[in-house]
C-alpha atoms as a PDB file:
ATOM      1  CA  MET A   1     135.361 104.490 124.979  1.00  0.00           C
ATOM      2  CA  ASP A   2     134.619 104.849 121.325  1.00  0.00           C
ATOM      3  CA  SER A   3     136.482 102.286 119.173  1.00  0.00           C
ATOM      4  CA  GLN A   4     137.832 103.272 115.752  1.00  0.00           C
ATOM      5  CA  SER A   5     135.846 101.562 113.022  1.00  0.00           C
ATOM      6  CA  GLU A   6     137.637  99.362 110.503  1.00  0.00           C
ATOM      7  CA  PRO A   7     137.730 100.816 106.979  1.00  0.00           C
ATOM      8  CA  SER A   8     135.264  99.280 104.644  1.00  0.00           C
ATOM      9  CA  ALA A   9     136.345  97.342 101.558  1.00  0.00           C
ATOM     10  CA  SER A  10     135.293 100.269  99.369  1.00  0.00           C
ATOM     11  CA  GLN A  11     137.681 102.566 101.269  1.00  0.00           C
ATOM     12  CA  VAL A  12     140.757 100.400 100.751  1.00  0.00           C
ATOM     13  CA  THR A  13     143.060 101.875  98.084  1.00  0.00           C
ATOM     14  CA  PRO A  14     143.922  99.210  95.515  1.00  0.00           C
ATOM     15  CA  PRO A  15     147.646  98.726  94.819  1.00  0.00           C
ATOM     16  CA  LEU A  16     148.978 100.680  91.913  1.00  0.00           C
ATOM     17  CA  PRO A  17     149.801  98.556  88.867  1.00  0.00           C
ATOM     18  CA  SER A  18     153.500  98.174  88.224  1.00  0.00           C
ATOM     19  CA  PRO A  19     154.666 100.185  85.225  1.00  0.00           C
ATOM     20  CA  ALA A  20     154.965  98.142  82.096  1.00  0.00           C
ATOM     21  CA  ALA A  21     158.474  97.569  80.853  1.00  0.00           C
ATOM     22  CA  PRO A  22     159.227  99.701  77.805  1.00  0.00           C
ATOM     23  CA  GLU A  23     158.979  97.795  74.575  1.00  0.00           C
ATOM     24  CA  ARG A  24     162.382  96.964  73.175  1.00  0.00           C
ATOM     25  CA  PRO A  25     162.734  98.414  69.679  1.00  0.00           C
ATOM     26  CA  ARG A  26     163.120  95.959  66.846  1.00  0.00           C
ATOM     27  CA  VAL A  27     166.445  95.794  65.054  1.00  0.00           C
ATOM     28  CA  TRP A  28     165.646  93.461  62.171  1.00  0.00           C
ATOM     29  CA  THR A  29     164.603  96.447  60.078  1.00  0.00           C
ATOM     30  CA  VAL A  30     168.082  97.972  60.109  1.00  0.00           C
ATOM     31  CA  PHE A  31     169.697  94.632  59.245  1.00  0.00           C
ATOM     32  CA  LEU A  32     167.202  94.202  56.413  1.00  0.00           C
ATOM     33  CA  ALA A  33     168.045  97.691  55.141  1.00  0.00           C
ATOM     34  CA  PHE A  34     171.764  96.893  55.337  1.00  0.00           C
ATOM     35  CA  GLY A  35     171.216  93.612  53.481  1.00  0.00           C
ATOM     36  CA  LEU A  36     169.304  95.361  50.712  1.00  0.00           C
ATOM     37  CA  MET A  37     172.025  97.994  50.424  1.00  0.00           C
ATOM     38  CA  LEU A  38     174.735  95.315  50.265  1.00  0.00           C
ATOM     39  CA  VAL A  39     172.855  93.426  47.544  1.00  0.00           C
ATOM     40  CA  ALA A  40     172.456  96.641  45.554  1.00  0.00           C
ATOM     41  CA  LEU A  41     176.193  97.335  45.861  1.00  0.00           C
ATOM     42  CA  LEU A  42     177.136  93.807  44.799  1.00  0.00           C
ATOM     43  CA  VAL A  43     174.763  93.800  41.831  1.00  0.00           C
ATOM     44  CA  GLY A  44     175.716  97.305  40.738  1.00  0.00           C
ATOM     45  CA  GLY A  45     179.417  96.588  41.201  1.00  0.00           C
ATOM     46  CA  SER A  46     179.119  93.414  39.130  1.00  0.00           C
ATOM     47  CA  ILE A  47     177.397  95.318  36.347  1.00  0.00           C
ATOM     48  CA  PHE A  48     180.092  98.017  36.329  1.00  0.00           C
ATOM     49  CA  ALA A  49     182.851  95.368  36.411  1.00  0.00           C
ATOM     50  CA  GLY A  50     181.204  93.493  33.522  1.00  0.00           C
ATOM     51  CA  ILE A  51     181.008  96.658  31.454  1.00  0.00           C
ATOM     52  CA  ALA A  52     184.656  97.456  32.203  1.00  0.00           C
ATOM     53  CA  MET A  53     185.701  93.905  31.315  1.00  0.00           C
ATOM     54  CA  ALA A  54     183.837  94.004  27.996  1.00  0.00           C
ATOM     55  CA  MET A  55     185.364  97.376  27.146  1.00  0.00           C
ATOM     56  CA  GLU A  56     188.895  96.174  27.943  1.00  0.00           C
ATOM     57  CA  MET A  57     188.432  92.921  26.014  1.00  0.00           C
ATOM     58  CA  ALA A  58     187.241  94.867  22.993  1.00  0.00           C
ATOM     59  CA  ARG A  59     190.147  97.303  23.289  1.00  0.00           C
ATOM     60  CA  THR A  60     192.907  94.724  23.786  1.00  0.00           C
ATOM     61  CA  GLY A  61     191.458  91.859  21.750  1.00  0.00           C
ATOM     62  CA  VAL A  62     191.756  89.370  24.613  1.00  0.00           C
ATOM     63  CA  LYS A  63     189.526  86.309  24.157  1.00  0.00           C
ATOM     64  CA  SER A  64     187.597  84.681  27.007  1.00  0.00           C
ATOM     65  CA  PRO A  65     189.343  81.259  26.794  1.00  0.00           C
ATOM     66  CA  ASP A  66     192.695  82.913  27.587  1.00  0.00           C
ATOM     67  CA  ALA A  67     192.601  82.491  31.378  1.00  0.00           C
ATOM     68  CA  ALA A  68     196.014  84.025  32.031  1.00  0.00           C
ATOM     69  CA  ALA A  69     195.227  87.149  30.034  1.00  0.00           C
ATOM     70  CA  LEU A  70     191.838  87.493  31.726  1.00  0.00           C
ATOM     71  CA  ALA A  71     193.450  87.199  35.165  1.00  0.00           C
ATOM     72  CA  ALA A  72     195.934  89.922  34.274  1.00  0.00           C
ATOM     73  CA  MET A  73     193.113  92.095  32.981  1.00  0.00           C
ATOM     74  CA  MET A  74     191.166  91.635  36.223  1.00  0.00           C
ATOM     75  CA  GLU A  75     194.154  92.972  38.161  1.00  0.00           C
ATOM     76  CA  GLN A  76     194.251  96.001  35.862  1.00  0.00           C
ATOM     77  CA  LEU A  77     190.530  96.626  36.355  1.00  0.00           C
ATOM     78  CA  LYS A  78     191.068  96.904  40.110  1.00  0.00           C
ATOM     79  CA  LEU A  79     193.074 100.072  39.432  1.00  0.00           C
ATOM     80  CA  LEU A  80     190.812 101.547  36.743  1.00  0.00           C
ATOM     81  CA  PRO A  81     190.005 105.137  37.870  1.00  0.00           C
ATOM     82  CA  TRP A  82     186.547 105.481  36.299  1.00  0.00           C
ATOM     83  CA  LEU A  83     185.501 102.138  37.777  1.00  0.00           C
ATOM     84  CA  HIS A  84     186.439 103.317  41.271  1.00  0.00           C
ATOM     85  CA  VAL A  85     184.589 106.580  40.765  1.00  0.00           C
ATOM     86  CA  ALA A  86     181.537 104.605  39.649  1.00  0.00           C
ATOM     87  CA  GLY A  87     181.835 102.436  42.748  1.00  0.00           C
ATOM     88  CA  VAL A  88     182.077 105.466  45.029  1.00  0.00           C
ATOM     89  CA  MET A  89     179.057 107.034  43.327  1.00  0.00           C
ATOM     90  CA  LEU A  90     177.081 103.811  43.707  1.00  0.00           C
ATOM     91  CA  SER A  91     177.893 103.257  47.375  1.00  0.00           C
ATOM     92  CA  SER A  92     177.413 106.877  48.449  1.00  0.00           C
ATOM     93  CA  LEU A  93     174.101 107.356  46.632  1.00  0.00           C
ATOM     94  CA  THR A  94     172.807 103.962  47.775  1.00  0.00           C
ATOM     95  CA  GLY A  95     173.633 104.719  51.409  1.00  0.00           C
ATOM     96  CA  LEU A  96     171.964 108.114  51.180  1.00  0.00           C
ATOM     97  CA  GLY A  97     168.878 106.690  49.458  1.00  0.00           C
ATOM     98  CA  VAL A  98     168.407 103.788  51.879  1.00  0.00           C
ATOM     99  CA  ALA A  99     168.844 106.086  54.886  1.00  0.00           C
ATOM    100  CA  LEU A 100     166.245 108.562  53.635  1.00  0.00           C
ATOM    101  CA  LEU A 101     163.846 105.777  52.662  1.00  0.00           C
ATOM    102  CA  GLY A 102     164.199 104.057  56.025  1.00  0.00           C
ATOM    103  CA  GLY A 103     163.716 107.341  57.816  1.00  0.00           C
ATOM    104  CA  ARG A 104     160.609 108.122  55.799  1.00  0.00           C
ATOM    105  CA  LEU A 105     159.082 104.720  56.555  1.00  0.00           C
ATOM    106  CA  SER A 106     159.671 105.146  60.283  1.00  0.00           C
ATOM    107  CA  PRO A 107     156.772 106.391  62.431  1.00  0.00           C
ATOM    108  CA  ARG A 108     159.202 108.868  63.978  1.00  0.00           C
ATOM    109  CA  PRO A 109     159.914 112.220  62.307  1.00  0.00           C
ATOM    110  CA  LEU A 110     162.739 111.973  59.791  1.00  0.00           C
ATOM    111  CA  ARG A 111     165.022 114.409  61.632  1.00  0.00           C
ATOM    112  CA  GLU A 112     164.619 112.515  64.862  1.00  0.00           C
ATOM    113  CA  ARG A 113     164.948 109.060  63.338  1.00  0.00           C
ATOM    114  CA  LEU A 114     168.205 109.939  61.554  1.00  0.00           C
ATOM    115  CA  ARG A 115     169.493 112.033  64.482  1.00  0.00           C
ATOM    116  CA  LEU A 116     169.628 115.235  62.480  1.00  0.00           C
ATOM    117  CA  GLU A 117     168.680 117.406  65.453  1.00  0.00           C
ATOM    118  CA  PRO A 118     171.358 119.863  66.637  1.00  0.00           C
ATOM    119  CA  GLY A 119     172.314 117.783  69.688  1.00  0.00           C
ATOM    120  CA  ALA A 120     174.785 119.093  72.245  1.00  0.00           C
ATOM    121  CA  SER A 121     176.631 122.314  71.511  1.00  0.00           C
ATOM    122  CA  LEU A 122     180.391 122.329  71.031  1.00  0.00           C
ATOM    123  CA  PRO A 123     182.910 125.148  70.852  1.00  0.00           C
ATOM    124  CA  VAL A 124     184.549 125.619  67.479  1.00  0.00           C
ATOM    125  CA  TRP A 125     187.879 124.250  68.689  1.00  0.00           C
ATOM    126  CA  ALA A 126     186.183 120.982  69.706  1.00  0.00           C
ATOM    127  CA  TRP A 127     184.968 120.472  66.126  1.00  0.00           C
ATOM    128  CA  GLY A 128     188.563 120.957  65.000  1.00  0.00           C
ATOM    129  CA  ALA A 129     189.787 118.445  67.579  1.00  0.00           C
ATOM    130  CA  ALA A 130     187.240 115.906  66.329  1.00  0.00           C
ATOM    131  CA  VAL A 131     188.439 116.319  62.731  1.00  0.00           C
ATOM    132  CA  VAL A 132     192.102 116.032  63.716  1.00  0.00           C
ATOM    133  CA  GLY A 133     191.364 112.933  65.797  1.00  0.00           C
ATOM    134  CA  CYS A 134     189.620 111.204  62.894  1.00  0.00           C
ATOM    135  CA  PHE A 135     192.351 111.937  60.366  1.00  0.00           C
ATOM    136  CA  ALA A 136     195.064 110.979  62.858  1.00  0.00           C
ATOM    137  CA  LEU A 137     193.351 107.667  63.561  1.00  0.00           C
ATOM    138  CA  GLY A 138     193.114 106.884  59.848  1.00  0.00           C
ATOM    139  CA  GLN A 139     196.747 107.810  59.255  1.00  0.00           C
ATOM    140  CA  ALA A 140     197.899 105.728  62.236  1.00  0.00           C
ATOM    141  CA  MET A 141     196.089 102.673  60.903  1.00  0.00           C
ATOM    142  CA  GLU A 142     197.453 103.258  57.393  1.00  0.00           C
ATOM    143  CA  SER A 143     201.020 103.497  58.697  1.00  0.00           C
ATOM    144  CA  LEU A 144     200.451 100.344  60.729  1.00  0.00           C
ATOM    145  CA  THR A 145     199.359  98.431  57.610  1.00  0.00           C
ATOM    146  CA  VAL A 146     202.488  99.571  55.759  1.00  0.00           C
ATOM    147  CA  LEU A 147     204.810  98.688  58.653  1.00  0.00           C
ATOM    148  CA  THR A 148     203.281  95.231  59.064  1.00  0.00           C
ATOM    149  CA  GLY A 149     203.373  94.559  55.315  1.00  0.00           C
ATOM    150  CA  VAL A 150     199.630  93.994  54.922  1.00  0.00           C
ATOM    151  CA  TRP A 151     199.121  97.112  52.782  1.00  0.00           C
ATOM    152  CA  ASP A 152     199.744  94.986  49.672  1.00  0.00           C
ATOM    153  CA  TRP A 153     196.593  92.990  50.456  1.00  0.00           C
ATOM    154  CA  THR A 154     194.283  95.903  49.728  1.00  0.00           C
ATOM    155  CA  SER A 155     192.823  96.663  46.335  1.00  0.00           C
ATOM    156  CA  SER A 156     190.276  99.376  47.098  1.00  0.00           C
ATOM    157  CA  LEU A 157     192.758 101.669  48.872  1.00  0.00           C
ATOM    158  CA  LYS A 158     195.254 101.227  46.036  1.00  0.00           C
ATOM    159  CA  GLY A 159     192.474 101.953  43.551  1.00  0.00           C
ATOM    160  CA  LEU A 160     191.507 105.149  45.365  1.00  0.00           C
ATOM    161  CA  GLN A 161     195.175 106.116  45.413  1.00  0.00           C
ATOM    162  CA  VAL A 162     195.435 105.698  41.643  1.00  0.00           C
ATOM    163  CA  THR A 163     192.097 107.463  41.096  1.00  0.00           C
ATOM    164  CA  SER A 164     193.329 110.458  43.097  1.00  0.00           C
ATOM    165  CA  GLN A 165     196.150 110.790  40.561  1.00  0.00           C
ATOM    166  CA  ALA A 166     193.809 110.617  37.552  1.00  0.00           C
ATOM    167  CA  SER A 167     192.622 113.484  35.351  1.00  0.00           C
ATOM    168  CA  LEU A 168     191.209 116.617  36.933  1.00  0.00           C
ATOM    169  CA  GLY A 169     187.645 115.721  35.911  1.00  0.00           C
ATOM    170  CA  THR A 170     187.904 112.239  37.416  1.00  0.00           C
ATOM    171  CA  PHE A 171     189.412 113.669  40.601  1.00  0.00           C
ATOM    172  CA  ALA A 172     186.628 116.272  40.826  1.00  0.00           C
ATOM    173  CA  LEU A 173     184.011 113.510  40.655  1.00  0.00           C
ATOM    174  CA  LEU A 174     185.892 111.537  43.307  1.00  0.00           C
ATOM    175  CA  MET A 175     186.051 114.588  45.562  1.00  0.00           C
ATOM    176  CA  PHE A 176     182.341 115.335  45.201  1.00  0.00           C
ATOM    177  CA  PHE A 177     180.955 111.831  45.603  1.00  0.00           C
ATOM    178  CA  GLY A 178     183.707 110.553  47.895  1.00  0.00           C
ATOM    179  CA  THR A 179     183.504 113.449  50.330  1.00  0.00           C
ATOM    180  CA  LEU A 180     180.217 115.370  50.333  1.00  0.00           C
ATOM    181  CA  VAL A 181     177.872 112.589  49.196  1.00  0.00           C
ATOM    182  CA  ALA A 182     179.659 109.675  50.882  1.00  0.00           C
ATOM    183  CA  GLY A 183     180.234 111.547  54.139  1.00  0.00           C
ATOM    184  CA  THR A 184     176.574 112.564  54.327  1.00  0.00           C
ATOM    185  CA  GLY A 185     174.996 109.349  53.050  1.00  0.00           C
ATOM    186  CA  GLU A 186     177.128 106.924  55.056  1.00  0.00           C
ATOM    187  CA  GLU A 187     176.724 108.863  58.291  1.00  0.00           C
ATOM    188  CA  LEU A 188     172.967 109.198  57.865  1.00  0.00           C
ATOM    189  CA  PHE A 189     172.707 105.454  57.294  1.00  0.00           C
ATOM    190  CA  PHE A 190     175.269 103.934  59.666  1.00  0.00           C
ATOM    191  CA  ARG A 191     175.371 106.458  62.496  1.00  0.00           C
ATOM    192  CA  GLY A 192     171.847 107.825  62.031  1.00  0.00           C
ATOM    193  CA  TYR A 193     169.556 105.026  60.886  1.00  0.00           C
ATOM    194  CA  VAL A 194     171.464 101.931  62.061  1.00  0.00           C
ATOM    195  CA  GLN A 195     173.323 103.031  65.186  1.00  0.00           C
ATOM    196  CA  THR A 196     170.358 104.889  66.650  1.00  0.00           C
ATOM    197  CA  ARG A 197     168.295 101.710  66.706  1.00  0.00           C
ATOM    198  CA  LEU A 198     171.128  99.414  67.838  1.00  0.00           C
ATOM    199  CA  VAL A 199     172.032 101.714  70.736  1.00  0.00           C
ATOM    200  CA  GLU A 200     168.408 101.869  71.834  1.00  0.00           C
ATOM    201  CA  ARG A 201     168.228  98.063  71.814  1.00  0.00           C
ATOM    202  CA  TRP A 202     171.723  96.994  72.930  1.00  0.00           C
ATOM    203  CA  GLY A 203     173.212 100.041  74.646  1.00  0.00           C
ATOM    204  CA  PRO A 204     175.875 102.542  73.516  1.00  0.00           C
ATOM    205  CA  LYS A 205     178.967 100.308  73.364  1.00  0.00           C
ATOM    206  CA  ALA A 206     177.399  97.386  71.521  1.00  0.00           C
ATOM    207  CA  GLY A 207     175.376  99.717  69.297  1.00  0.00           C
ATOM    208  CA  ILE A 208     178.426 101.726  68.236  1.00  0.00           C
ATOM    209  CA  VAL A 209     180.515  98.617  67.558  1.00  0.00           C
ATOM    210  CA  GLY A 210     177.634  96.923  65.734  1.00  0.00           C
ATOM    211  CA  ALA A 211     177.090  99.858  63.371  1.00  0.00           C
ATOM    212  CA  ALA A 212     180.858 100.227  62.845  1.00  0.00           C
ATOM    213  CA  THR A 213     181.139  96.521  61.999  1.00  0.00           C
ATOM    214  CA  LEU A 214     178.488  96.852  59.299  1.00  0.00           C
ATOM    215  CA  PHE A 215     180.308  99.954  58.060  1.00  0.00           C
ATOM    216  CA  GLY A 216     183.495  97.905  57.744  1.00  0.00           C
ATOM    217  CA  VAL A 217     181.753  95.004  56.003  1.00  0.00           C
ATOM    218  CA  MET A 218     180.302  97.415  53.441  1.00  0.00           C
ATOM    219  CA  HIS A 219     183.807  98.307  52.192  1.00  0.00           C
ATOM    220  CA  MET A 220     184.467  94.637  51.257  1.00  0.00           C
ATOM    221  CA  ASP A 221     188.275  94.787  51.388  1.00  0.00           C
ATOM    222  CA  PRO A 222     190.696  92.874  53.685  1.00  0.00           C
ATOM    223  CA  ILE A 223     192.487  96.083  54.717  1.00  0.00           C
ATOM    224  CA  HIS A 224     189.990  98.868  54.002  1.00  0.00           C
ATOM    225  CA  SER A 225     187.276  97.094  56.014  1.00  0.00           C
ATOM    226  CA  PRO A 226     189.227  96.969  59.342  1.00  0.00           C
ATOM    227  CA  VAL A 227     190.307 100.583  58.832  1.00  0.00           C
ATOM    228  CA  ALA A 228     186.687 101.600  58.178  1.00  0.00           C
ATOM    229  CA  LEU A 229     185.601  99.671  61.279  1.00  0.00           C
ATOM    230  CA  GLY A 230     188.068 101.619  63.437  1.00  0.00           C
ATOM    231  CA  LEU A 231     186.982 104.940  61.957  1.00  0.00           C
ATOM    232  CA  GLY A 232     183.344 103.860  62.331  1.00  0.00           C
ATOM    233  CA  VAL A 233     183.814 103.326  66.062  1.00  0.00           C
ATOM    234  CA  TYR A 234     185.295 106.831  66.373  1.00  0.00           C
ATOM    235  CA  LEU A 235     182.543 108.449  64.299  1.00  0.00           C
ATOM    236  CA  GLY A 236     179.908 106.481  66.172  1.00  0.00           C
ATOM    237  CA  TRP A 237     181.324 107.672  69.474  1.00  0.00           C
ATOM    238  CA  LEU A 238     181.146 111.276  68.248  1.00  0.00           C
ATOM    239  CA  ALA A 239     177.501 110.832  67.240  1.00  0.00           C
ATOM    240  CA  GLU A 240     176.638 109.232  70.563  1.00  0.00           C
ATOM    241  CA  ARG A 241     178.620 111.803  72.488  1.00  0.00           C
ATOM    242  CA  THR A 242     176.704 114.728  71.007  1.00  0.00           C
ATOM    243  CA  GLY A 243     173.351 113.021  70.372  1.00  0.00           C
ATOM    244  CA  SER A 244     173.439 114.036  66.710  1.00  0.00           C
ATOM    245  CA  VAL A 245     175.059 112.989  63.422  1.00  0.00           C
ATOM    246  CA  ARG A 246     175.931 116.556  62.482  1.00  0.00           C
ATOM    247  CA  LEU A 247     179.432 116.380  63.916  1.00  0.00           C
ATOM    248  CA  SER A 248     180.179 112.947  62.452  1.00  0.00           C
ATOM    249  CA  VAL A 249     178.961 114.090  58.999  1.00  0.00           C
ATOM    250  CA  VAL A 250     181.274 117.110  59.015  1.00  0.00           C
ATOM    251  CA  VAL A 251     184.203 115.064  60.344  1.00  0.00           C
ATOM    252  CA  HIS A 252     183.658 112.321  57.755  1.00  0.00           C
ATOM    253  CA  ILE A 253     183.504 114.821  54.871  1.00  0.00           C
ATOM    254  CA  LEU A 254     186.625 116.723  55.943  1.00  0.00           C
ATOM    255  CA  ASN A 255     188.549 113.531  56.692  1.00  0.00           C
ATOM    256  CA  ASN A 256     187.860 112.121  53.205  1.00  0.00           C
ATOM    257  CA  ALA A 257     188.617 115.445  51.528  1.00  0.00           C
ATOM    258  CA  THR A 258     191.943 115.779  53.341  1.00  0.00           C
ATOM    259  CA  SER A 259     192.858 112.195  52.513  1.00  0.00           C
ATOM    260  CA  PHE A 260     192.117 112.579  48.786  1.00  0.00           C
ATOM    261  CA  LEU A 261     193.960 115.901  48.543  1.00  0.00           C
ATOM    262  CA  LEU A 262     197.058 114.557  50.289  1.00  0.00           C
ATOM    263  CA  THR A 263     196.969 111.439  48.121  1.00  0.00           C
ATOM    264  CA  ARG A 264     196.943 113.589  44.991  1.00  0.00           C
ATOM    265  CA  PHE A 265     199.483 116.223  45.980  1.00  0.00           C
ATOM    266  CA  ALA A 266     201.750 114.457  48.498  1.00  0.00           C
ATOM    267  CA  SER A 267     203.883 111.321  48.445  1.00  0.00           C
ATOM    268  CA  SER A 268     202.030 108.009  48.544  1.00  0.00           C
ATOM    269  CA  ALA A 269     202.106 105.846  51.648  1.00  0.00           C
ATOM    270  CA  THR A 270     204.421 103.275  50.080  1.00  0.00           C
ATOM    271  CA  GLU A 271     206.994 105.943  49.150  1.00  0.00           C
ATOM    272  CA  LEU A 272     207.547 107.022  52.762  1.00  0.00           C
ATOM    273  CA  SER A 273     210.406 105.544  54.748  1.00  0.00           C
ATOM    274  CA  THR A 274     209.947 103.112  57.610  1.00  0.00           C
ATOM    275  CA  SER A 275     211.138 105.704  60.126  1.00  0.00           C
ATOM    276  CA  MET A 276     208.563 108.174  58.813  1.00  0.00           C
ATOM    277  CA  HIS A 277     205.758 105.650  59.226  1.00  0.00           C
ATOM    278  CA  VAL A 278     206.946 104.861  62.767  1.00  0.00           C
ATOM    279  CA  ALA A 279     206.902 108.574  63.587  1.00  0.00           C
ATOM    280  CA  LEU A 280     203.446 108.979  62.015  1.00  0.00           C
ATOM    281  CA  LEU A 281     202.120 105.994  63.943  1.00  0.00           C
ATOM    282  CA  VAL A 282     203.342 107.385  67.276  1.00  0.00           C
ATOM    283  CA  VAL A 283     202.339 111.006  66.679  1.00  0.00           C
ATOM    284  CA  CYS A 284     198.926 110.193  65.177  1.00  0.00           C
ATOM    285  CA  THR A 285     198.126 107.748  67.962  1.00  0.00           C
ATOM    286  CA  LEU A 286     198.878 110.476  70.511  1.00  0.00           C
ATOM    287  CA  LEU A 287     196.739 112.959  68.572  1.00  0.00           C
ATOM    288  CA  THR A 288     193.825 110.507  68.502  1.00  0.00           C
ATOM    289  CA  VAL A 289     194.088 109.838  72.216  1.00  0.00           C
ATOM    290  CA  GLY A 290     194.305 113.571  72.869  1.00  0.00           C
ATOM    291  CA  ALA A 291     191.207 114.284  70.771  1.00  0.00           C
ATOM    292  CA  VAL A 292     189.210 111.649  72.625  1.00  0.00           C
ATOM    293  CA  ALA A 293     190.490 112.978  75.963  1.00  0.00           C
ATOM    294  CA  VAL A 294     189.327 116.545  75.364  1.00  0.00           C
ATOM    295  CA  LEU A 295     185.994 115.473  73.849  1.00  0.00           C
ATOM    296  CA  ARG A 296     185.039 112.863  76.430  1.00  0.00           C
ATOM    297  CA  PRO A 297     182.593 113.744  79.260  1.00  0.00           C
ATOM    298  CA  GLY A 298     184.448 116.060  81.618  1.00  0.00           C
ATOM    299  CA  GLY A 299     187.453 116.314  79.333  1.00  0.00           C
ATOM    300  CA  GLY A 300     188.837 119.811  78.875  1.00  0.00           C
ATOM    301  CA  ARG A 301     186.505 122.779  78.513  1.00  0.00           C
ATOM    302  CA  ALA A 302     184.360 120.848  76.060  1.00  0.00           C
ATOM    303  CA  GLY A 303     183.290 118.472  78.802  1.00  0.00           C
ATOM    304  CA  THR A 304     181.365 121.232  80.561  1.00  0.00           C
ATOM    305  CA  ARG A 305     179.333 122.006  77.458  1.00  0.00           C
ATOM    306  CA  LEU A 306     178.569 118.583  76.052  1.00  0.00           C
ATOM    307  CA  GLU A 307     175.399 116.925  77.236  1.00  0.00           C
ATOM    308  CA  HIS A 308     174.446 113.418  76.220  1.00  0.00           C
ATOM    309  CA  SER A 309     171.178 113.516  74.326  1.00  0.00           C
ATOM    310  CA  HIS A 310     170.022 110.284  72.738  1.00  0.00           C
ATOM    311  CA  PRO A 311     166.626 110.573  71.037  1.00  0.00           C
ATOM    312  CA  SER A 312     164.196 107.713  71.435  1.00  0.00           C
ATOM    313  CA  VAL A 313     163.559 105.626  68.369  1.00  0.00           C
END
C-alpha cells in the first residue's frame, strides 16, 4: 500500500499576517485650531472694546480715575450696536478663515475634509423639518431662561436684541454677517473641521458633544453658551445624520435669519407673558422632538432615504 507523503516545509502555507489596526486620527490639530481662533477672538474683541471705550470717554468726558463712571460706561458698551456687529463680523470671518486654512493644510481634499460633499439625499419637506426643529429648540431654551429668571445674566443675547433694533444699515450688516457668513463659517469649522475629526477618533456621540461644547465656549456668555451648546448638538446630529455639513449650514443660516427678523419686528422675549413662554416651551419642545423623530434613521418617509455616510479623515 502506498503511503501518502508528508508535505515538505516549502509546501506549508505560512499564516496570514493579522491586519494592522487602523491608525487613530490625531485630534490635537483641531484643538490647536480652536485655541488659535479663541485667542484671535479675545484679542480682536479687546481691541474693539478699547476703541469703543476711548470713543465713549472722549464723547462723555469721563476720566479714567472715576471708577463708578467707568463701570457704568462698561455696561453701556455691552449694548452698543456697532460693537456687537463688529464682534459678529470678527467671529464669523475668523471661523470661516480657520476652517478653510485647516482644510487646506490637511492631506485630504478640502471638500472631503470639511464634509462639503452632498451626503445623503433628503426630500424637501425634511429640510423644512430640520429648520423648524432648530428654531423650535432655540425658542424653547430662550423661554426656559426667561421662566427661570436667568435671562438677565446674559449680555450677548441682550446686545444682539438691541442691535436688531438699530438703524437699517446696522441691521443689514448684522443680517449678512450674522446669518450667511456666521452660518457658513461656524458650520464649516465646528461641524466640518472639528466634528469630523472628533467623530473619527471618539465616535459619533462624543464627537458631536465635543464639537458642540467648543461651539458653546466660543460664545463666551453664561446664557448664550449653553444655548449654543444645545443648538450645536442638534446641528452636529444633522451633519452626522446626512454625512455632510450642507444641511446644517442651511439650517444655521435660516435659524439666525428668522431669529434676527423676529427680534426686530416682533415683541422681545422679556415683553411676553409667563403663560406665553410656558406655551412656547411646551409647543417648541414638541416640535423639536417631532423633527428629530421624522429625521432619525427609520423615522417617517425620510428614514428610507437617508443613508449614513461619514467620510474618513
